[in-house]
Amino acid sequence: MAVVAFDTLKLADRLQAGGFSFDQARTAASAFADALSGTDLATKGDLTAAESRLENRIDAVKAELKAEIAAVESRLDNKIDLAKAELKTEMQAIRADLLKSMNGIAVINMATMLGSMFALAKLLGH
């Protein structure tokens, strides 16, 4: 709690100069002094300390948020990598199935062509 140096006589004199009676000025100065003595007033040092505490807390919150964002990014990167691996596996399986199908079609085409050639050769009498 800060203590304010307060000159009640000087205040009473100023109040009298402003038109207060002696009793009014003395009562007002005394009431003002009583009000100030029971009040917690913040000093510049108090404000600086509070500002420092708030800045430290803000820095801590920023650090927490950055860490949380990094953790989320890491989890998302892992999920993306897993999805890529799964898609690659699926694509390889599809490619293998296509190759099998294409090989089967090629064999059927060759057999058809050979059969046609034999039929043509037979027709031509060779």
C-alpha atoms as a PDB file:
ATOM      1  CA  MET A   1       0.000   0.000   0.000  1.00  0.00           C
ATOM      2  CA  ALA A   2       1.418   3.344  -1.017  1.00  0.00           C
ATOM      3  CA  VAL A   3       1.358   6.251   1.384  1.00  0.00           C
ATOM      4  CA  VAL A   4       0.656   9.606  -0.190  1.00  0.00           C
ATOM      5  CA  ALA A   5       2.374  12.614   1.295  1.00  0.00           C
ATOM      6  CA  PHE A   6      -0.434  15.076   1.710  1.00  0.00           C
ATOM      7  CA  ASP A   7      -0.361  18.604   3.111  1.00  0.00           C
ATOM      8  CA  THR A   8      -3.818  19.225   4.596  1.00  0.00           C
ATOM      9  CA  LEU A   9      -2.964  22.822   5.608  1.00  0.00           C
ATOM     10  CA  LYS A  10      -1.969  23.696   2.051  1.00  0.00           C
ATOM     11  CA  LEU A  11      -5.233  22.197   0.727  1.00  0.00           C
ATOM     12  CA  ALA A  12      -7.279  24.087   3.330  1.00  0.00           C
ATOM     13  CA  ASP A  13      -5.549  27.335   2.354  1.00  0.00           C
ATOM     14  CA  ARG A  14      -6.301  26.733  -1.326  1.00  0.00           C
ATOM     15  CA  LEU A  15      -9.918  25.913  -0.575  1.00  0.00           C
ATOM     16  CA  GLN A  16     -10.258  29.127   1.453  1.00  0.00           C
ATOM     17  CA  ALA A  17      -8.694  31.084  -1.408  1.00  0.00           C
ATOM     18  CA  GLY A  18     -11.308  29.544  -3.669  1.00  0.00           C
ATOM     19  CA  GLY A  19     -14.189  30.725  -1.512  1.00  0.00           C
ATOM     20  CA  PHE A  20     -14.613  28.050   1.169  1.00  0.00           C
ATOM     21  CA  SER A  21     -15.038  29.207   4.739  1.00  0.00           C
ATOM     22  CA  PHE A  22     -12.292  28.294   7.228  1.00  0.00           C
ATOM     23  CA  ASP A  23     -14.414  25.485   8.730  1.00  0.00           C
ATOM     24  CA  GLN A  24     -15.453  24.170   5.300  1.00  0.00           C
ATOM     25  CA  ALA A  25     -11.853  24.170   4.044  1.00  0.00           C
ATOM     26  CA  ARG A  26     -10.556  22.453   7.222  1.00  0.00           C
ATOM     27  CA  THR A  27     -13.320  19.806   7.111  1.00  0.00           C
ATOM     28  CA  ALA A  28     -12.848  19.136   3.394  1.00  0.00           C
ATOM     29  CA  ALA A  29      -9.043  18.831   3.753  1.00  0.00           C
ATOM     30  CA  SER A  30      -9.433  16.500   6.727  1.00  0.00           C
ATOM     31  CA  ALA A  31     -12.005  14.335   4.890  1.00  0.00           C
ATOM     32  CA  PHE A  32      -9.781  14.167   1.840  1.00  0.00           C
ATOM     33  CA  ALA A  33      -6.787  13.102   3.956  1.00  0.00           C
ATOM     34  CA  ASP A  34      -8.895  10.403   5.667  1.00  0.00           C
ATOM     35  CA  ALA A  35     -10.086   9.119   2.297  1.00  0.00           C
ATOM     36  CA  LEU A  36      -6.557   8.898   0.955  1.00  0.00           C
ATOM     37  CA  SER A  37      -5.179   7.178   4.035  1.00  0.00           C
ATOM     38  CA  GLY A  38      -7.599   4.261   3.676  1.00  0.00           C
ATOM     39  CA  THR A  39      -7.077   3.798  -0.047  1.00  0.00           C
ATOM     40  CA  ASP A  40      -4.657   1.462  -1.739  1.00  0.00           C
ATOM     41  CA  LEU A  41      -2.977   3.525  -4.405  1.00  0.00           C
ATOM     42  CA  ALA A  42      -0.843   1.979  -7.077  1.00  0.00           C
ATOM     43  CA  THR A  43       2.604   3.393  -7.489  1.00  0.00           C
ATOM     44  CA  LYS A  44       4.555   3.491 -10.720  1.00  0.00           C
ATOM     45  CA  GLY A  45       6.541   0.529  -9.382  1.00  0.00           C
ATOM     46  CA  ASP A  46       3.318  -1.405  -8.751  1.00  0.00           C
ATOM     47  CA  LEU A  47       2.202  -0.748 -12.314  1.00  0.00           C
ATOM     48  CA  THR A  48       5.591  -1.749 -13.718  1.00  0.00           C
ATOM     49  CA  ALA A  49       5.530  -4.991 -11.716  1.00  0.00           C
ATOM     50  CA  ALA A  50       1.971  -5.751 -12.875  1.00  0.00           C
ATOM     51  CA  GLU A  51       2.937  -5.024 -16.464  1.00  0.00           C
ATOM     52  CA  SER A  52       5.914  -7.344 -16.163  1.00  0.00           C
ATOM     53  CA  ARG A  53       3.751 -10.137 -14.725  1.00  0.00           C
ATOM     54  CA  LEU A  54       1.235  -9.699 -17.548  1.00  0.00           C
ATOM     55  CA  GLU A  55       3.962  -9.730 -20.195  1.00  0.00           C
ATOM     56  CA  ASN A  56       5.391 -12.916 -18.678  1.00  0.00           C
ATOM     57  CA  ARG A  57       1.963 -14.538 -18.691  1.00  0.00           C
ATOM     58  CA  ILE A  58       1.358 -13.471 -22.305  1.00  0.00           C
ATOM     59  CA  ASP A  59       4.730 -14.954 -23.277  1.00  0.00           C
ATOM     60  CA  ALA A  60       3.832 -18.186 -21.481  1.00  0.00           C
ATOM     61  CA  VAL A  61       0.464 -18.379 -23.267  1.00  0.00           C
ATOM     62  CA  LYS A  62       2.173 -17.730 -26.610  1.00  0.00           C
ATOM     63  CA  ALA A  63       4.637 -20.542 -25.901  1.00  0.00           C
ATOM     64  CA  GLU A  64       1.785 -22.890 -24.946  1.00  0.00           C
ATOM     65  CA  LEU A  65      -0.102 -22.030 -28.146  1.00  0.00           C
ATOM     66  CA  LYS A  66       3.000 -22.511 -30.299  1.00  0.00           C
ATOM     67  CA  ALA A  67       3.614 -25.905 -28.680  1.00  0.00           C
ATOM     68  CA  GLU A  68      -0.007 -26.937 -29.215  1.00  0.00           C
ATOM     69  CA  ILE A  69       0.092 -25.802 -32.856  1.00  0.00           C
ATOM     70  CA  ALA A  70       3.324 -27.747 -33.390  1.00  0.00           C
ATOM     71  CA  ALA A  71       1.716 -30.855 -31.866  1.00  0.00           C
ATOM     72  CA  VAL A  72      -1.340 -30.509 -34.124  1.00  0.00           C
ATOM     73  CA  GLU A  73       0.902 -30.021 -37.166  1.00  0.00           C
ATOM     74  CA  SER A  74       2.851 -33.130 -36.214  1.00  0.00           C
ATOM     75  CA  ARG A  75      -0.319 -35.209 -35.848  1.00  0.00           C
ATOM     76  CA  LEU A  76      -1.610 -33.947 -39.195  1.00  0.00           C
ATOM     77  CA  ASP A  77       1.737 -34.655 -40.888  1.00  0.00           C
ATOM     78  CA  ASN A  78       1.603 -38.214 -39.518  1.00  0.00           C
ATOM     79  CA  LYS A  79      -1.948 -38.691 -40.782  1.00  0.00           C
ATOM     80  CA  ILE A  80      -1.000 -37.323 -44.209  1.00  0.00           C
ATOM     81  CA  ASP A  81       2.023 -39.626 -44.384  1.00  0.00           C
ATOM     82  CA  LEU A  82      -0.151 -42.601 -43.426  1.00  0.00           C
ATOM     83  CA  ALA A  83      -2.760 -41.683 -46.056  1.00  0.00           C
ATOM     84  CA  LYS A  84      -0.001 -41.367 -48.688  1.00  0.00           C
ATOM     85  CA  ALA A  85       1.360 -44.788 -47.788  1.00  0.00           C
ATOM     86  CA  GLU A  86      -2.121 -46.341 -47.951  1.00  0.00           C
ATOM     87  CA  LEU A  87      -2.814 -44.734 -51.333  1.00  0.00           C
ATOM     88  CA  LYS A  88       0.558 -45.876 -52.666  1.00  0.00           C
ATOM     89  CA  THR A  89      -0.199 -49.444 -51.569  1.00  0.00           C
ATOM     90  CA  GLU A  90      -3.630 -49.293 -53.205  1.00  0.00           C
ATOM     91  CA  MET A  91      -2.176 -47.864 -56.411  1.00  0.00           C
ATOM     92  CA  GLN A  92       0.436 -50.632 -56.550  1.00  0.00           C
ATOM     93  CA  ALA A  93      -2.282 -53.254 -56.089  1.00  0.00           C
ATOM     94  CA  ILE A  94      -4.377 -51.672 -58.861  1.00  0.00           C
ATOM     95  CA  ARG A  95      -1.321 -51.510 -61.124  1.00  0.00           C
ATOM     96  CA  ALA A  96      -0.623 -55.203 -60.499  1.00  0.00           C
ATOM     97  CA  ASP A  97      -4.259 -56.081 -61.246  1.00  0.00           C
ATOM     98  CA  LEU A  98      -4.128 -54.040 -64.461  1.00  0.00           C
ATOM     99  CA  LEU A  99      -0.930 -55.751 -65.556  1.00  0.00           C
ATOM    100  CA  LYS A 100      -2.495 -59.157 -64.940  1.00  0.00           C
ATOM    101  CA  SER A 101      -5.570 -58.152 -66.917  1.00  0.00           C
ATOM    102  CA  MET A 102      -3.471 -56.714 -69.746  1.00  0.00           C
ATOM    103  CA  ASN A 103      -1.343 -59.860 -69.880  1.00  0.00           C
ATOM    104  CA  GLY A 104      -4.495 -61.971 -70.016  1.00  0.00           C
ATOM    105  CA  ILE A 105      -5.902 -59.835 -72.810  1.00  0.00           C
ATOM    106  CA  ALA A 106      -2.594 -60.053 -74.687  1.00  0.00           C
ATOM    107  CA  VAL A 107      -2.606 -63.867 -74.398  1.00  0.00           C
ATOM    108  CA  ILE A 108      -6.210 -64.004 -75.616  1.00  0.00           C
ATOM    109  CA  ASN A 109      -5.363 -61.682 -78.517  1.00  0.00           C
ATOM    110  CA  MET A 110      -2.342 -63.788 -79.464  1.00  0.00           C
ATOM    111  CA  ALA A 111      -4.391 -66.964 -79.299  1.00  0.00           C
ATOM    112  CA  THR A 112      -7.100 -65.367 -81.415  1.00  0.00           C
ATOM    113  CA  MET A 113      -4.550 -64.177 -83.959  1.00  0.00           C
ATOM    114  CA  LEU A 114      -2.844 -67.575 -84.085  1.00  0.00           C
ATOM    115  CA  GLY A 115      -6.181 -69.295 -84.455  1.00  0.00           C
ATOM    116  CA  SER A 116      -7.110 -66.898 -87.235  1.00  0.00           C
ATOM    117  CA  MET A 117      -3.767 -67.507 -88.944  1.00  0.00           C
ATOM    118  CA  PHE A 118      -4.195 -71.296 -88.723  1.00  0.00           C
ATOM    119  CA  ALA A 119      -7.742 -71.025 -90.028  1.00  0.00           C
ATOM    120  CA  LEU A 120      -6.580 -68.821 -92.882  1.00  0.00           C
ATOM    121  CA  ALA A 121      -3.682 -71.157 -93.653  1.00  0.00           C
ATOM    122  CA  LYS A 122      -6.059 -74.138 -93.651  1.00  0.00           C
ATOM    123  CA  LEU A 123      -8.418 -72.286 -95.921  1.00  0.00           C
ATOM    124  CA  LEU A 124      -5.638 -71.440 -98.296  1.00  0.00           C
ATOM    125  CA  GLY A 125      -4.516 -75.042 -98.212  1.00  0.00           C
ATOM    126  CA  HIS A 126      -1.149 -74.774 -96.662  1.00  0.00           C
END
